[in-house]
C-alpha atoms as a PDB file:
ATOM      1  CA  UNK A   1      21.722 -12.979   0.082  1.00  0.00           C
ATOM      2  CA  UNK A   2      22.822 -10.103   2.105  1.00  0.00           C
ATOM      3  CA  UNK A   3      21.257  -7.786   4.609  1.00  0.00           C
ATOM      4  CA  UNK A   4      20.001  -5.139   1.424  1.00  0.00           C
ATOM      5  CA  UNK A   5      18.357  -8.076  -0.068  1.00  0.00           C
ATOM      6  CA  UNK A   6      16.301  -9.268   2.709  1.00  0.00           C
ATOM      7  CA  UNK A   7      15.483  -5.820   3.700  1.00  0.00           C
ATOM      8  CA  UNK A   8      14.328  -4.844   0.519  1.00  0.00           C
ATOM      9  CA  UNK A   9      12.236  -8.616   0.177  1.00  0.00           C
ATOM     10  CA  UNK A  10      10.587  -7.371   3.428  1.00  0.00           C
ATOM     11  CA  UNK A  11       9.899  -3.784   2.025  1.00  0.00           C
ATOM     12  CA  UNK A  12       8.103  -5.316  -0.381  1.00  0.00           C
ATOM     13  CA  UNK A  13       6.262  -8.006   1.217  1.00  0.00           C
ATOM     14  CA  UNK A  14       4.865  -5.212   3.649  1.00  0.00           C
ATOM     15  CA  UNK A  15       3.464  -3.111   0.934  1.00  0.00           C
ATOM     16  CA  UNK A  16       1.477  -6.175  -0.899  1.00  0.00           C
ATOM     17  CA  UNK A  17      -0.020  -7.397   3.248  1.00  0.00           C
ATOM     18  CA  UNK A  18      -0.814  -3.464   3.596  1.00  0.00           C
ATOM     19  CA  UNK A  19      -3.461  -4.155   0.061  1.00  0.00           C
ATOM     20  CA  UNK A  20      -4.280  -7.548   1.236  1.00  0.00           C
ATOM     21  CA  UNK A  21      -5.642  -6.186   4.571  1.00  0.00           C
ATOM     22  CA  UNK A  22      -7.374  -3.346   3.398  1.00  0.00           C
ATOM     23  CA  UNK A  23      -8.569  -5.431   0.736  1.00  0.00           C
ATOM     24  CA  UNK A  24      -9.886  -7.955   3.469  1.00  0.00           C
ATOM     25  CA  UNK A  25     -11.192  -5.183   5.625  1.00  0.00           C
ATOM     26  CA  UNK A  26     -12.947  -3.434   2.974  1.00  0.00           C
ATOM     27  CA  UNK A  27     -14.895  -6.289   1.440  1.00  0.00           C
ATOM     28  CA  UNK A  28     -15.720  -7.661   4.416  1.00  0.00           C
ATOM     29  CA  UNK A  29     -16.840  -4.768   5.966  1.00  0.00           C
ATOM     30  CA  UNK A  30     -18.902  -4.057   2.657  1.00  0.00           C
ATOM     31  CA  UNK A  31     -20.927  -7.640   2.781  1.00  0.00           C
ATOM     32  CA  UNK A  32     -21.527  -6.934   6.685  1.00  0.00           C
ATOM     33  CA  UNK A  33     -22.907  -3.291   6.582  1.00  0.00           C
ATOM     34  CA  UNK A  34     -23.867  -2.723   3.231  1.00  0.00           C
ATOM     35  CA  UNK A  35     -22.283   0.863   2.766  1.00  0.00           C
ATOM     36  CA  UNK A  36     -19.776   0.823   0.299  1.00  0.00           C
ATOM     37  CA  UNK A  37     -18.432   4.655   0.177  1.00  0.00           C
ATOM     38  CA  UNK A  38     -17.615   4.873   4.470  1.00  0.00           C
ATOM     39  CA  UNK A  39     -16.327   1.191   4.022  1.00  0.00           C
ATOM     40  CA  UNK A  40     -13.689   2.084   0.852  1.00  0.00           C
ATOM     41  CA  UNK A  41     -12.523   5.235   2.060  1.00  0.00           C
ATOM     42  CA  UNK A  42     -11.495   3.368   5.431  1.00  0.00           C
ATOM     43  CA  UNK A  43      -9.915   0.361   3.445  1.00  0.00           C
ATOM     44  CA  UNK A  44      -7.941   2.711   1.498  1.00  0.00           C
ATOM     45  CA  UNK A  45      -6.961   5.013   4.215  1.00  0.00           C
ATOM     46  CA  UNK A  46      -5.582   1.610   6.105  1.00  0.00           C
ATOM     47  CA  UNK A  47      -3.821   0.510   2.882  1.00  0.00           C
ATOM     48  CA  UNK A  48      -2.110   4.183   3.052  1.00  0.00           C
ATOM     49  CA  UNK A  49      -1.289   4.694   5.999  1.00  0.00           C
ATOM     50  CA  UNK A  50       0.229   0.614   6.162  1.00  0.00           C
ATOM     51  CA  UNK A  51       2.657   2.138   3.041  1.00  0.00           C
ATOM     52  CA  UNK A  52       3.403   5.257   4.359  1.00  0.00           C
ATOM     53  CA  UNK A  53       4.493   3.508   7.954  1.00  0.00           C
ATOM     54  CA  UNK A  54       6.340   0.869   5.558  1.00  0.00           C
ATOM     55  CA  UNK A  55       8.008   3.961   3.436  1.00  0.00           C
ATOM     56  CA  UNK A  56       9.062   5.070   7.200  1.00  0.00           C
ATOM     57  CA  UNK A  57      10.477   2.271   8.299  1.00  0.00           C
ATOM     58  CA  UNK A  58      12.414   1.528   5.133  1.00  0.00           C
ATOM     59  CA  UNK A  59      13.849   4.993   5.338  1.00  0.00           C
ATOM     60  CA  UNK A  60      15.064   4.569   8.863  1.00  0.00           C
ATOM     61  CA  UNK A  61      17.261   1.462   7.267  1.00  0.00           C
ATOM     62  CA  UNK A  62      18.350   2.807   3.924  1.00  0.00           C
ATOM     63  CA  UNK A  63      20.074   5.937   4.893  1.00  0.00           C
ATOM     64  CA  UNK A  64      22.272   4.143   7.563  1.00  0.00           C
ATOM     65  CA  UNK A  65      23.378   1.521   4.446  1.00  0.00           C
ATOM     66  CA  UNK A  66      23.311   4.020   1.108  1.00  0.00           C
ATOM     67  CA  UNK A  67      21.858   7.186   0.002  1.00  0.00           C
ATOM     68  CA  UNK A  68      21.326   5.147  -3.933  1.00  0.00           C
ATOM     69  CA  UNK A  69      19.226   2.871  -1.505  1.00  0.00           C
ATOM     70  CA  UNK A  70      17.567   4.984   0.049  1.00  0.00           C
ATOM     71  CA  UNK A  71      16.249   7.396  -3.175  1.00  0.00           C
ATOM     72  CA  UNK A  72      15.584   3.742  -5.105  1.00  0.00           C
ATOM     73  CA  UNK A  73      13.295   2.473  -2.099  1.00  0.00           C
ATOM     74  CA  UNK A  74      11.840   5.997  -1.945  1.00  0.00           C
ATOM     75  CA  UNK A  75      10.687   5.498  -5.811  1.00  0.00           C
ATOM     76  CA  UNK A  76       9.768   1.876  -5.421  1.00  0.00           C
ATOM     77  CA  UNK A  77       7.666   2.829  -2.259  1.00  0.00           C
ATOM     78  CA  UNK A  78       5.936   5.459  -4.051  1.00  0.00           C
ATOM     79  CA  UNK A  79       5.317   3.948  -7.503  1.00  0.00           C
ATOM     80  CA  UNK A  80       3.413   0.980  -5.512  1.00  0.00           C
ATOM     81  CA  UNK A  81       1.367   3.408  -3.608  1.00  0.00           C
ATOM     82  CA  UNK A  82       0.325   5.390  -7.020  1.00  0.00           C
ATOM     83  CA  UNK A  83      -0.286   1.895  -8.982  1.00  0.00           C
ATOM     84  CA  UNK A  84      -2.305   0.664  -5.919  1.00  0.00           C
ATOM     85  CA  UNK A  85      -4.141   4.254  -6.027  1.00  0.00           C
ATOM     86  CA  UNK A  86      -4.717   4.140  -9.738  1.00  0.00           C
ATOM     87  CA  UNK A  87      -5.988   0.399  -9.637  1.00  0.00           C
ATOM     88  CA  UNK A  88      -9.082   1.184  -6.886  1.00  0.00           C
ATOM     89  CA  UNK A  89      -9.867   4.364  -8.585  1.00  0.00           C
ATOM     90  CA  UNK A  90      -9.981   2.184 -11.861  1.00  0.00           C
ATOM     91  CA  UNK A  91     -12.109  -0.457 -10.029  1.00  0.00           C
ATOM     92  CA  UNK A  92     -14.362   1.906  -8.445  1.00  0.00           C
ATOM     93  CA  UNK A  93     -15.052   3.498 -11.636  1.00  0.00           C
ATOM     94  CA  UNK A  94     -15.834   0.254 -13.389  1.00  0.00           C
ATOM     95  CA  UNK A  95     -18.261  -1.125 -11.214  1.00  0.00           C
ATOM     96  CA  UNK A  96     -20.110   2.202  -9.249  1.00  0.00           C
ATOM     97  CA  UNK A  97     -19.903   4.664 -12.325  1.00  0.00           C
ATOM     98  CA  UNK A  98     -23.581   5.425 -11.958  1.00  0.00           C
ATOM     99  CA  UNK A  99     -24.121   7.589 -14.940  1.00  0.00           C
END
């Protein structure tokens, strides 16, 4: 494996870790306090901030290596953030919709 493969693997692992950390925080604090909306917003913000930091780190690494790698990482990171956002909205609508 060359350094690009290792960097891409680390990039994806950190995005998965961001999801895991925000999920664990949200589920723990919701069980502890019973407040769903504030803790969900904090967990979502935590996920977004960690994801953006990972994407910024990827930009600093990939721009020096190759411009195509830079844009490929940009598409991968943004698509992962949108997928996580879509899943969170779907989970909220399925479980907490009050109609």
